Amino acid sequence: MAKGRTTLNGYGWKHQQAREWVKRIVEAGQAFCARCGGFIAPGEAFDLDHSSDRSYYLGPSHPGCNRGEPNKRRRKNRVAAHLAEQRAAEVSRPTAGTALVAAVVELEQNVQRERIWRVRRGSLFARTPSKIT
């Protein structure tokens, strides 16, 4: 016997039985959304929400909370990938501060080389300051 469409989508007999059980809780006015924590009024539409890997049920959820979750995850993953890409690009290129520090270090090294060269030649103190009168 061929399985029905709901079974192929992962909402077979066990899911339908669990949904009927949760429906009684919703109709009794004792249900809260598993995603947002908001109240689910009796007679209000609800989904029996499950974990992202479908290994267990989370409980009743508003349809908007449940059906919007995959989009939120995709958007979150896209943003995280974009931020990681930006961080990698920032690490690979030197910033203005890094270039400035490198330039100052190079300048200090050149000044130090010049001082050593003048000391070796004996010309570091060859010029004496003139007297201020």
C-alpha atoms as a PDB file:
ATOM      1  CA  MET A   1       0.000   0.000   0.000  1.00  0.00           C
ATOM      2  CA  ALA A   2       1.364   3.418  -0.947  1.00  0.00           C
ATOM      3  CA  LYS A   3       2.002   5.931   1.786  1.00  0.00           C
ATOM      4  CA  GLY A   4       0.048   9.167   1.755  1.00  0.00           C
ATOM      5  CA  ARG A   5       1.514  12.587   1.130  1.00  0.00           C
ATOM      6  CA  THR A   6       1.509  13.547   4.813  1.00  0.00           C
ATOM      7  CA  THR A   7       3.545  10.472   5.699  1.00  0.00           C
ATOM      8  CA  LEU A   8       6.089  11.254   2.988  1.00  0.00           C
ATOM      9  CA  ASN A   9       6.420  14.780   4.371  1.00  0.00           C
ATOM     10  CA  GLY A  10       7.117  13.408   7.858  1.00  0.00           C
ATOM     11  CA  TYR A  11       3.615  14.031   9.245  1.00  0.00           C
ATOM     12  CA  GLY A  12       2.304  10.478   9.350  1.00  0.00           C
ATOM     13  CA  TRP A  13       0.043   8.673  11.807  1.00  0.00           C
ATOM     14  CA  LYS A  14       2.255   9.317  14.867  1.00  0.00           C
ATOM     15  CA  HIS A  15       2.415  13.041  14.136  1.00  0.00           C
ATOM     16  CA  GLN A  16      -1.336  13.223  13.589  1.00  0.00           C
ATOM     17  CA  GLN A  17      -1.963  11.434  16.905  1.00  0.00           C
ATOM     18  CA  ALA A  18       0.399  13.805  18.724  1.00  0.00           C
ATOM     19  CA  ARG A  19      -1.317  16.794  17.096  1.00  0.00           C
ATOM     20  CA  GLU A  20      -4.732  15.547  18.268  1.00  0.00           C
ATOM     21  CA  TRP A  21      -3.391  15.278  21.822  1.00  0.00           C
ATOM     22  CA  VAL A  22      -1.952  18.825  21.671  1.00  0.00           C
ATOM     23  CA  LYS A  23      -5.207  20.092  20.132  1.00  0.00           C
ATOM     24  CA  ARG A  24      -7.042  19.115  23.330  1.00  0.00           C
ATOM     25  CA  ILE A  25      -4.574  21.230  25.338  1.00  0.00           C
ATOM     26  CA  VAL A  26      -5.053  24.200  22.979  1.00  0.00           C
ATOM     27  CA  GLU A  27      -8.857  23.869  23.157  1.00  0.00           C
ATOM     28  CA  ALA A  28      -8.628  23.825  26.973  1.00  0.00           C
ATOM     29  CA  GLY A  29      -6.855  27.199  26.825  1.00  0.00           C
ATOM     30  CA  GLN A  30      -3.618  25.926  28.346  1.00  0.00           C
ATOM     31  CA  ALA A  31      -1.258  26.234  25.380  1.00  0.00           C
ATOM     32  CA  PHE A  32       1.643  28.606  24.852  1.00  0.00           C
ATOM     33  CA  CYS A  33       3.749  28.963  21.719  1.00  0.00           C
ATOM     34  CA  ALA A  34       6.959  26.936  21.851  1.00  0.00           C
ATOM     35  CA  ARG A  35       8.791  29.610  19.812  1.00  0.00           C
ATOM     36  CA  CYS A  36       7.641  32.997  21.145  1.00  0.00           C
ATOM     37  CA  GLY A  37       5.986  32.006  24.437  1.00  0.00           C
ATOM     38  CA  GLY A  38       2.755  33.772  23.483  1.00  0.00           C
ATOM     39  CA  PHE A  39      -0.680  32.422  24.410  1.00  0.00           C
ATOM     40  CA  ILE A  40      -2.499  30.304  21.857  1.00  0.00           C
ATOM     41  CA  ALA A  41      -6.229  30.961  22.272  1.00  0.00           C
ATOM     42  CA  PRO A  42      -8.743  28.126  21.998  1.00  0.00           C
ATOM     43  CA  GLY A  43      -9.849  27.770  18.370  1.00  0.00           C
ATOM     44  CA  GLU A  44      -6.789  29.655  17.105  1.00  0.00           C
ATOM     45  CA  ALA A  45      -4.752  27.976  14.365  1.00  0.00           C
ATOM     46  CA  PHE A  46      -1.588  26.233  15.590  1.00  0.00           C
ATOM     47  CA  ASP A  47       1.157  23.955  14.332  1.00  0.00           C
ATOM     48  CA  LEU A  48       2.696  21.058  16.204  1.00  0.00           C
ATOM     49  CA  ASP A  49       6.271  22.290  16.078  1.00  0.00           C
ATOM     50  CA  HIS A  50       9.278  19.980  16.021  1.00  0.00           C
ATOM     51  CA  SER A  51      13.030  20.492  16.329  1.00  0.00           C
ATOM     52  CA  SER A  52      14.997  21.427  13.233  1.00  0.00           C
ATOM     53  CA  ASP A  53      16.276  17.856  12.899  1.00  0.00           C
ATOM     54  CA  ARG A  54      12.745  16.463  13.521  1.00  0.00           C
ATOM     55  CA  SER A  55      13.955  14.254  16.342  1.00  0.00           C
ATOM     56  CA  TYR A  56      11.416  15.537  18.916  1.00  0.00           C
ATOM     57  CA  TYR A  57       8.415  17.855  19.253  1.00  0.00           C
ATOM     58  CA  LEU A  58       8.716  21.316  20.768  1.00  0.00           C
ATOM     59  CA  GLY A  59       4.969  21.718  21.296  1.00  0.00           C
ATOM     60  CA  PRO A  60       2.269  23.915  19.818  1.00  0.00           C
ATOM     61  CA  SER A  61       3.375  27.047  17.946  1.00  0.00           C
ATOM     62  CA  HIS A  62       1.735  29.903  16.107  1.00  0.00           C
ATOM     63  CA  PRO A  63       1.879  29.138  12.377  1.00  0.00           C
ATOM     64  CA  GLY A  64       3.884  32.309  11.744  1.00  0.00           C
ATOM     65  CA  CYS A  65       6.439  31.409  14.425  1.00  0.00           C
ATOM     66  CA  ASN A  66       6.813  27.823  13.227  1.00  0.00           C
ATOM     67  CA  ARG A  67       6.837  28.393   9.481  1.00  0.00           C
ATOM     68  CA  GLY A  68       9.072  31.451   9.714  1.00  0.00           C
ATOM     69  CA  GLU A  69      11.796  29.603  11.647  1.00  0.00           C
ATOM     70  CA  PRO A  70      13.578  28.022   8.648  1.00  0.00           C
ATOM     71  CA  ASN A  71      13.780  31.446   7.001  1.00  0.00           C
ATOM     72  CA  LYS A  72      15.204  32.950  10.193  1.00  0.00           C
ATOM     73  CA  ARG A  73      17.827  30.192  10.345  1.00  0.00           C
ATOM     74  CA  ARG A  74      18.764  30.688   6.693  1.00  0.00           C
ATOM     75  CA  ARG A  75      18.998  34.455   7.148  1.00  0.00           C
ATOM     76  CA  LYS A  76      21.059  34.011  10.324  1.00  0.00           C
ATOM     77  CA  ASN A  77      23.430  31.597   8.538  1.00  0.00           C
ATOM     78  CA  ARG A  78      23.744  33.975   5.584  1.00  0.00           C
ATOM     79  CA  VAL A  79      24.561  36.914   7.869  1.00  0.00           C
ATOM     80  CA  ALA A  80      27.068  34.833   9.843  1.00  0.00           C
ATOM     81  CA  ALA A  81      28.801  33.724   6.636  1.00  0.00           C
ATOM     82  CA  HIS A  82      28.929  37.321   5.390  1.00  0.00           C
ATOM     83  CA  LEU A  83      30.423  38.552   8.689  1.00  0.00           C
ATOM     84  CA  ALA A  84      33.022  35.771   8.657  1.00  0.00           C
ATOM     85  CA  GLU A  85      33.951  36.713   5.099  1.00  0.00           C
ATOM     86  CA  GLN A  86      34.327  40.377   6.097  1.00  0.00           C
ATOM     87  CA  ARG A  87      36.507  39.468   9.101  1.00  0.00           C
ATOM     88  CA  ALA A  88      38.737  37.331   6.903  1.00  0.00           C
ATOM     89  CA  ALA A  89      39.114  40.207   4.434  1.00  0.00           C
ATOM     90  CA  GLU A  90      39.966  42.628   7.257  1.00  0.00           C
ATOM     91  CA  VAL A  91      42.629  40.294   8.604  1.00  0.00           C
ATOM     92  CA  SER A  92      44.241  39.877   5.189  1.00  0.00           C
ATOM     93  CA  ARG A  93      44.564  43.592   4.414  1.00  0.00           C
ATOM     94  CA  PRO A  94      46.465  46.021   6.626  1.00  0.00           C
ATOM     95  CA  THR A  95      44.464  48.839   8.162  1.00  0.00           C
ATOM     96  CA  ALA A  96      45.493  52.489   8.175  1.00  0.00           C
ATOM     97  CA  GLY A  97      46.611  52.157  11.816  1.00  0.00           C
ATOM     98  CA  THR A  98      48.793  49.172  10.979  1.00  0.00           C
ATOM     99  CA  ALA A  99      50.385  51.022   8.068  1.00  0.00           C
ATOM    100  CA  LEU A 100      51.048  54.046  10.288  1.00  0.00           C
ATOM    101  CA  VAL A 101      52.702  51.931  12.969  1.00  0.00           C
ATOM    102  CA  ALA A 102      54.857  50.218  10.334  1.00  0.00           C
ATOM    103  CA  ALA A 103      55.894  53.613   8.945  1.00  0.00           C
ATOM    104  CA  VAL A 104      56.823  54.923  12.413  1.00  0.00           C
ATOM    105  CA  VAL A 105      58.841  51.800  13.184  1.00  0.00           C
ATOM    106  CA  GLU A 106      60.673  52.109   9.873  1.00  0.00           C
ATOM    107  CA  LEU A 107      61.379  55.801  10.538  1.00  0.00           C
ATOM    108  CA  GLU A 108      62.745  55.009  14.010  1.00  0.00           C
ATOM    109  CA  GLN A 109      64.987  52.313  12.529  1.00  0.00           C
ATOM    110  CA  ASN A 110      66.291  54.773   9.917  1.00  0.00           C
ATOM    111  CA  VAL A 111      66.994  57.386  12.602  1.00  0.00           C
ATOM    112  CA  GLN A 112      68.823  54.790  14.679  1.00  0.00           C
ATOM    113  CA  ARG A 113      70.921  53.737  11.649  1.00  0.00           C
ATOM    114  CA  GLU A 114      71.766  57.385  10.955  1.00  0.00           C
ATOM    115  CA  ARG A 115      72.890  57.903  14.574  1.00  0.00           C
ATOM    116  CA  ILE A 116      75.088  54.817  14.468  1.00  0.00           C
ATOM    117  CA  TRP A 117      76.580  55.952  11.157  1.00  0.00           C
ATOM    118  CA  ARG A 118      77.346  59.428  12.556  1.00  0.00           C
ATOM    119  CA  VAL A 119      78.913  58.031  15.742  1.00  0.00           C
ATOM    120  CA  ARG A 120      81.153  55.773  13.675  1.00  0.00           C
ATOM    121  CA  ARG A 121      82.236  58.745  11.574  1.00  0.00           C
ATOM    122  CA  GLY A 122      82.686  60.929  14.661  1.00  0.00           C
ATOM    123  CA  SER A 123      80.374  63.555  13.284  1.00  0.00           C
ATOM    124  CA  LEU A 124      77.501  63.199  15.734  1.00  0.00           C
ATOM    125  CA  PHE A 125      78.785  65.957  17.953  1.00  0.00           C
ATOM    126  CA  ALA A 126      80.857  67.778  15.331  1.00  0.00           C
ATOM    127  CA  ARG A 127      78.386  70.603  15.220  1.00  0.00           C
ATOM    128  CA  THR A 128      78.176  72.525  18.429  1.00  0.00           C
ATOM    129  CA  PRO A 129      75.170  74.662  19.092  1.00  0.00           C
ATOM    130  CA  SER A 130      75.770  78.359  18.789  1.00  0.00           C
ATOM    131  CA  LYS A 131      75.480  80.486  21.874  1.00  0.00           C
ATOM    132  CA  ILE A 132      72.268  82.370  22.274  1.00  0.00           C
ATOM    133  CA  THR A 133      73.015  86.012  23.008  1.00  0.00           C
END
